[in-house]
PDB file of N, CA and C in Angstrom:
ATOM      1  N   MET A   1      -0.582  -6.621  16.214  1.00  0.00           N
ATOM      2  CA  MET A   1      -0.268  -5.300  16.611  1.00  0.00           C
ATOM      3  C   MET A   1       1.487  -4.931  16.201  1.00  0.00           C
ATOM      4  N   MET A   2       1.182  -3.735  15.422  1.00  0.00           N
ATOM      5  CA  MET A   2       2.568  -3.180  15.273  1.00  0.00           C
ATOM      6  C   MET A   2       3.323  -2.286  17.212  1.00  0.00           C
ATOM      7  N   PHE A   3       4.860  -3.058  16.939  1.00  0.00           N
ATOM      8  CA  PHE A   3       5.008  -2.533  17.773  1.00  0.00           C
ATOM      9  C   PHE A   3       5.840  -1.054  17.731  1.00  0.00           C
ATOM     10  N   ARG A   4       5.079  -0.092  18.570  1.00  0.00           N
ATOM     11  CA  ARG A   4       5.700   1.367  18.917  1.00  0.00           C
ATOM     12  C   ARG A   4       6.855   1.554  20.231  1.00  0.00           C
ATOM     13  N   PRO A   5       7.805   1.988  19.520  1.00  0.00           N
ATOM     14  CA  PRO A   5       8.745   2.006  20.364  1.00  0.00           C
ATOM     15  C   PRO A   5       8.415   3.740  21.387  1.00  0.00           C
ATOM     16  N   GLY A   6       8.454   4.012  22.860  1.00  0.00           N
ATOM     17  CA  GLY A   6       8.144   4.950  23.271  1.00  0.00           C
ATOM     18  C   GLY A   6       8.968   5.968  23.240  1.00  0.00           C
ATOM     19  N   THR A   7       9.188   6.771  24.273  1.00  0.00           N
ATOM     20  CA  THR A   7      10.541   7.643  24.510  1.00  0.00           C
ATOM     21  C   THR A   7      11.504   6.841  25.481  1.00  0.00           C
ATOM     22  N   GLY A   8      10.961   5.968  26.179  1.00  0.00           N
ATOM     23  CA  GLY A   8      11.772   5.314  27.309  1.00  0.00           C
ATOM     24  C   GLY A   8      12.935   4.674  26.118  1.00  0.00           C
ATOM     25  N   GLU A   9      12.290   3.335  25.036  1.00  0.00           N
ATOM     26  CA  GLU A   9      12.898   2.766  24.544  1.00  0.00           C
ATOM     27  C   GLU A   9      14.055   3.086  23.803  1.00  0.00           C
ATOM     28  N   ILE A  10      13.665   4.329  23.054  1.00  0.00           N
ATOM     29  CA  ILE A  10      14.110   4.962  22.133  1.00  0.00           C
ATOM     30  C   ILE A  10      15.783   5.954  22.937  1.00  0.00           C
ATOM     31  N   ILE A  11      15.426   5.712  24.109  1.00  0.00           N
ATOM     32  CA  ILE A  11      16.695   6.544  24.499  1.00  0.00           C
ATOM     33  C   ILE A  11      17.516   5.041  24.952  1.00  0.00           C
ATOM     34  N   ILE A  12      16.811   3.973  25.999  1.00  0.00           N
ATOM     35  CA  ILE A  12      17.732   3.029  25.731  1.00  0.00           C
ATOM     36  C   ILE A  12      18.664   2.555  24.574  1.00  0.00           C
ATOM     37  N   ILE A  13      17.687   2.561  23.573  1.00  0.00           N
ATOM     38  CA  ILE A  13      18.091   2.042  22.100  1.00  0.00           C
ATOM     39  C   ILE A  13      19.805   3.178  21.603  1.00  0.00           C
ATOM     40  N   LEU A  14      19.648   4.347  22.084  1.00  0.00           N
ATOM     41  CA  LEU A  14      20.500   5.478  21.598  1.00  0.00           C
ATOM     42  C   LEU A  14      21.941   5.244  22.592  1.00  0.00           C
ATOM     43  N   VAL A  15      21.647   4.768  23.980  1.00  0.00           N
ATOM     44  CA  VAL A  15      22.142   4.652  24.747  1.00  0.00           C
ATOM     45  C   VAL A  15      23.365   3.550  24.317  1.00  0.00           C
ATOM     46  N   VAL A  16      22.315   2.246  24.042  1.00  0.00           N
ATOM     47  CA  VAL A  16      23.527   1.136  23.712  1.00  0.00           C
ATOM     48  C   VAL A  16      24.123   1.429  22.367  1.00  0.00           C
ATOM     49  N   LEU A  17      23.593   2.104  21.484  1.00  0.00           N
ATOM     50  CA  LEU A  17      24.796   2.385  20.029  1.00  0.00           C
ATOM     51  C   LEU A  17      25.514   3.482  20.708  1.00  0.00           C
ATOM     52  N   LEU A  18      25.810   4.030  21.669  1.00  0.00           N
ATOM     53  CA  LEU A  18      26.621   5.184  21.708  1.00  0.00           C
ATOM     54  C   LEU A  18      28.069   4.031  22.521  1.00  0.00           C
ATOM     55  N   LEU A  19      27.576   3.299  23.328  1.00  0.00           N
ATOM     56  CA  LEU A  19      27.819   2.193  24.076  1.00  0.00           C
ATOM     57  C   LEU A  19      29.266   1.068  23.069  1.00  0.00           C
ATOM     58  N   LEU A  20      27.939   1.034  22.018  1.00  0.00           N
ATOM     59  CA  LEU A  20      28.627  -0.677  21.173  1.00  0.00           C
ATOM     60  C   LEU A  20      29.936   0.514  20.371  1.00  0.00           C
ATOM     61  N   PHE A  21      29.570   1.846  19.876  1.00  0.00           N
ATOM     62  CA  PHE A  21      30.532   2.169  18.708  1.00  0.00           C
ATOM     63  C   PHE A  21      30.961   3.380  18.568  1.00  0.00           C
ATOM     64  N   GLY A  22      30.384   3.972  19.802  1.00  0.00           N
ATOM     65  CA  GLY A  22      31.298   5.019  20.223  1.00  0.00           C
ATOM     66  C   GLY A  22      30.852   6.477  19.464  1.00  0.00           C
ATOM     67  N   ALA A  23      31.062   7.943  20.375  1.00  0.00           N
ATOM     68  CA  ALA A  23      30.398   8.743  19.792  1.00  0.00           C
ATOM     69  C   ALA A  23      30.836   9.087  18.016  1.00  0.00           C
ATOM     70  N   LYS A  24      32.196   8.796  17.576  1.00  0.00           N
ATOM     71  CA  LYS A  24      32.344   8.990  16.432  1.00  0.00           C
ATOM     72  C   LYS A  24      32.361   8.596  15.466  1.00  0.00           C
ATOM     73  N   ARG A  25      31.562   6.933  15.434  1.00  0.00           N
ATOM     74  CA  ARG A  25      31.098   6.092  14.621  1.00  0.00           C
ATOM     75  C   ARG A  25      29.810   6.328  14.184  1.00  0.00           C
ATOM     76  N   ILE A  26      29.362   6.636  15.218  1.00  0.00           N
ATOM     77  CA  ILE A  26      27.399   7.129  15.272  1.00  0.00           C
ATOM     78  C   ILE A  26      27.303   7.334  13.963  1.00  0.00           C
ATOM     79  N   PRO A  27      27.768   8.641  13.541  1.00  0.00           N
ATOM     80  CA  PRO A  27      27.002   9.353  12.260  1.00  0.00           C
ATOM     81  C   PRO A  27      28.032   8.956  10.826  1.00  0.00           C
ATOM     82  N   ASP A  28      28.806   8.137  11.324  1.00  0.00           N
ATOM     83  CA  ASP A  28      29.258   7.055  10.139  1.00  0.00           C
ATOM     84  C   ASP A  28      27.934   5.851   9.341  1.00  0.00           C
ATOM     85  N   LEU A  29      27.859   5.222  10.827  1.00  0.00           N
ATOM     86  CA  LEU A  29      26.872   4.372  10.618  1.00  0.00           C
ATOM     87  C   LEU A  29      25.174   4.765  10.419  1.00  0.00           C
ATOM     88  N   ALA A  30      25.188   5.842  10.541  1.00  0.00           N
ATOM     89  CA  ALA A  30      23.664   6.147  10.076  1.00  0.00           C
ATOM     90  C   ALA A  30      23.816   6.460   8.476  1.00  0.00           C
ATOM     91  N   ARG A  31      24.986   7.351   8.101  1.00  0.00           N
ATOM     92  CA  ARG A  31      25.366   7.995   6.974  1.00  0.00           C
ATOM     93  C   ARG A  31      25.089   6.749   5.840  1.00  0.00           C
ATOM     94  N   SER A  32      25.706   5.797   6.353  1.00  0.00           N
ATOM     95  CA  SER A  32      25.802   4.167   5.809  1.00  0.00           C
ATOM     96  C   SER A  32      24.413   3.640   5.661  1.00  0.00           C
ATOM     97  N   LEU A  33      23.655   4.018   6.424  1.00  0.00           N
ATOM     98  CA  LEU A  33      22.361   3.277   6.608  1.00  0.00           C
ATOM     99  C   LEU A  33      21.208   3.969   6.026  1.00  0.00           C
ATOM    100  N   GLY A  34      21.434   5.615   5.796  1.00  0.00           N
ATOM    101  CA  GLY A  34      20.303   6.204   4.873  1.00  0.00           C
ATOM    102  C   GLY A  34      20.895   5.789   3.961  1.00  0.00           C
ATOM    103  N   GLN A  35      22.436   5.409   3.152  1.00  0.00           N
ATOM    104  CA  GLN A  35      22.552   5.350   1.609  1.00  0.00           C
ATOM    105  C   GLN A  35      21.697   4.217   1.114  1.00  0.00           C
ATOM    106  N   GLY A  36      22.037   2.725   2.199  1.00  0.00           N
ATOM    107  CA  GLY A  36      21.635   2.042   1.659  1.00  0.00           C
ATOM    108  C   GLY A  36      20.312   1.970   1.542  1.00  0.00           C
ATOM    109  N   LEU A  37      19.111   2.190   3.010  1.00  0.00           N
ATOM    110  CA  LEU A  37      18.293   2.746   1.881  1.00  0.00           C
ATOM    111  C   LEU A  37      17.795   3.151   0.843  1.00  0.00           C
ATOM    112  N   ASN A  38      17.962   4.382   0.799  1.00  0.00           N
ATOM    113  CA  ASN A  38      18.004   4.980  -0.528  1.00  0.00           C
ATOM    114  C   ASN A  38      18.667   4.263  -2.128  1.00  0.00           C
ATOM    115  N   MET A  39      19.571   2.967  -1.792  1.00  0.00           N
ATOM    116  CA  MET A  39      20.026   2.443  -3.232  1.00  0.00           C
ATOM    117  C   MET A  39      18.270   0.788  -2.964  1.00  0.00           C
ATOM    118  N   PHE A  40      18.337   0.673  -1.549  1.00  0.00           N
ATOM    119  CA  PHE A  40      16.924  -0.231  -1.892  1.00  0.00           C
ATOM    120  C   PHE A  40      15.960   0.126  -2.223  1.00  0.00           C
ATOM    121  N   ARG A  41      15.375   1.624  -1.914  1.00  0.00           N
ATOM    122  CA  ARG A  41      14.362   2.282  -2.640  1.00  0.00           C
ATOM    123  C   ARG A  41      14.420   2.397  -4.001  1.00  0.00           C
ATOM    124  N   LYS A  42      15.516   2.984  -4.317  1.00  0.00           N
ATOM    125  CA  LYS A  42      15.863   2.871  -5.716  1.00  0.00           C
ATOM    126  C   LYS A  42      15.485   1.517  -6.665  1.00  0.00           C
ATOM    127  N   GLY A  43      16.224   0.726  -6.441  1.00  0.00           N
ATOM    128  CA  GLY A  43      16.092  -0.704  -6.861  1.00  0.00           C
ATOM    129  C   GLY A  43      14.565  -1.110  -6.794  1.00  0.00           C
ATOM    130  N   MET A  44      13.556  -0.857  -5.847  1.00  0.00           N
ATOM    131  CA  MET A  44      12.430  -1.699  -6.129  1.00  0.00           C
ATOM    132  C   MET A  44      11.490  -0.228  -7.050  1.00  0.00           C
ATOM    133  N   LYS A  45      11.776   0.616  -6.503  1.00  0.00           N
ATOM    134  CA  LYS A  45      10.945   1.300  -7.966  1.00  0.00           C
ATOM    135  C   LYS A  45      11.314   0.996  -9.119  1.00  0.00           C
ATOM    136  N   GLU A  46      13.057   0.637  -9.602  1.00  0.00           N
ATOM    137  CA  GLU A  46      12.875   0.164 -10.984  1.00  0.00           C
ATOM    138  C   GLU A  46      12.531  -0.985 -11.373  1.00  0.00           C
ATOM    139  N   GLU A  47      12.252  -1.703  -9.820  1.00  0.00           N
ATOM    140  CA  GLU A  47      11.848  -3.473 -10.130  1.00  0.00           C
ATOM    141  C   GLU A  47      10.597  -3.148 -10.396  1.00  0.00           C
ATOM    142  N   ILE A  48       9.897  -2.291 -10.038  1.00  0.00           N
ATOM    143  CA  ILE A  48       8.410  -2.256 -10.159  1.00  0.00           C
ATOM    144  C   ILE A  48       7.878  -1.463 -11.689  1.00  0.00           C
ATOM    145  N   SER A  49       8.515  -0.820 -11.948  1.00  0.00           N
ATOM    146  CA  SER A  49       8.664   0.022 -13.106  1.00  0.00           C
ATOM    147  C   SER A  49       8.964  -1.131 -14.268  1.00  0.00           C
ATOM    148  N   ASP A  50       9.827  -1.804 -14.406  1.00  0.00           N
ATOM    149  CA  ASP A  50      10.020  -3.212 -15.235  1.00  0.00           C
ATOM    150  C   ASP A  50       9.246  -3.645 -14.931  1.00  0.00           C
ATOM    151  N   THR A  51       8.443  -4.481 -14.016  1.00  0.00           N
ATOM    152  CA  THR A  51       7.393  -5.471 -14.181  1.00  0.00           C
ATOM    153  C   THR A  51       5.911  -4.741 -14.833  1.00  0.00           C
ATOM    154  N   VAL A  52       6.170  -3.461 -14.438  1.00  0.00           N
ATOM    155  CA  VAL A  52       4.570  -2.785 -14.729  1.00  0.00           C
ATOM    156  C   VAL A  52       5.124  -2.806 -16.567  1.00  0.00           C
ATOM    157  N   ASN A  53       6.337  -2.321 -16.888  1.00  0.00           N
ATOM    158  CA  ASN A  53       6.421  -2.395 -18.542  1.00  0.00           C
ATOM    159  C   ASN A  53       6.519  -3.322 -18.911  1.00  0.00           C
ATOM    160  N   GLU A  54       6.860  -5.019 -18.548  1.00  0.00           N
ATOM    161  CA  GLU A  54       6.585  -6.528 -18.767  1.00  0.00           C
ATOM    162  C   GLU A  54       5.397  -6.565 -19.217  1.00  0.00           C
ATOM    163  N   GLU A  55       4.404  -6.496 -18.170  1.00  0.00           N
ATOM    164  CA  GLU A  55       3.050  -6.481 -18.533  1.00  0.00           C
ATOM    165  C   GLU A  55       2.202  -5.875 -19.494  1.00  0.00           C
ATOM    166  N   GLU A  56       2.660  -4.592 -19.798  1.00  0.00           N
ATOM    167  CA  GLU A  56       2.037  -3.932 -20.623  1.00  0.00           C
ATOM    168  C   GLU A  56       2.097  -4.430 -22.261  1.00  0.00           C
ATOM    169  N   ASP A  57       3.805  -4.650 -22.328  1.00  0.00           N
ATOM    170  CA  ASP A  57       4.391  -5.462 -23.293  1.00  0.00           C
ATOM    171  C   ASP A  57       3.616  -6.396 -23.730  1.00  0.00           C
ATOM    172  N   SER A  58       3.261  -7.379 -23.051  1.00  0.00           N
ATOM    173  CA  SER A  58       3.271  -8.481 -23.052  1.00  0.00           C
ATOM    174  C   SER A  58       1.651  -9.017 -23.579  1.00  0.00           C
ATOM    175  N   GLY A  59       1.236  -7.973 -22.859  1.00  0.00           N
ATOM    176  CA  GLY A  59      -0.367  -8.764 -22.938  1.00  0.00           C
ATOM    177  C   GLY A  59      -0.718  -9.552 -22.526  1.00  0.00           C
ATOM    178  N   ASN A  60      -2.171 -10.043 -22.062  1.00  0.00           N
ATOM    179  CA  ASN A  60      -2.217 -11.610 -21.853  1.00  0.00           C
ATOM    180  C   ASN A  60      -2.953 -12.367 -22.895  1.00  0.00           C
ATOM    181  N   GLY A  61      -3.216 -11.918 -23.931  1.00  0.00           N
ATOM    182  CA  GLY A  61      -3.395 -12.452 -25.076  1.00  0.00           C
ATOM    183  C   GLY A  61      -5.607 -12.573 -25.062  1.00  0.00           C
ATOM    184  N   GLU A  62      -5.667 -11.881 -24.244  1.00  0.00           N
ATOM    185  CA  GLU A  62      -7.581 -12.012 -24.148  1.00  0.00           C
ATOM    186  C   GLU A  62      -8.181 -10.635 -24.952  1.00  0.00           C
ATOM    187  N   THR A  63      -8.987 -11.184 -25.792  1.00  0.00           N
ATOM    188  CA  THR A  63      -9.337 -10.136 -26.283  1.00  0.00           C
ATOM    189  C   THR A  63     -11.299  -9.663 -25.424  1.00  0.00           C
ATOM    190  N   THR A  64     -11.646  -8.508 -25.706  1.00  0.00           N
ATOM    191  CA  THR A  64     -12.398  -7.681 -25.233  1.00  0.00           C
ATOM    192  C   THR A  64     -13.522  -8.033 -26.494  1.00  0.00           C
ATOM    193  N   GLU A  65     -13.868  -8.655 -27.633  1.00  0.00           N
ATOM    194  CA  GLU A  65     -14.711  -8.174 -28.343  1.00  0.00           C
ATOM    195  C   GLU A  65     -16.577  -9.330 -27.474  1.00  0.00           C
ATOM    196  N   ASP A  66     -17.148  -8.660 -28.623  1.00  0.00           N
ATOM    197  CA  ASP A  66     -18.689  -9.584 -27.935  1.00  0.00           C
ATOM    198  C   ASP A  66     -18.753 -10.328 -29.201  1.00  0.00           C
ATOM    199  N   ASN A  67     -18.966 -11.037 -29.010  1.00  0.00           N
ATOM    200  CA  ASN A  67     -19.345 -12.554 -30.670  1.00  0.00           C
ATOM    201  C   ASN A  67     -20.541 -12.764 -30.160  1.00  0.00           C
ATOM    202  N   SER A  68     -21.827 -12.021 -29.913  1.00  0.00           N
ATOM    203  CA  SER A  68     -23.259 -12.402 -30.231  1.00  0.00           C
ATOM    204  C   SER A  68     -23.860 -12.028 -31.473  1.00  0.00           C
TER     205      SER A  68
END
């Protein structure tokens, strides 16, 4: 079962973040997190496209000819 935080949990998390990092550092942390996620997604897309290209180039050695 997937955990889905409600409004109360989100407010508690935001208050804890505010207390730990302060109001001035939260935008910088959010920006860094966003940049990291974008780099991760870009890397995943490149890896998937590289894998697909390698599979197309190598083939699997099987033929679909009918020898009847």
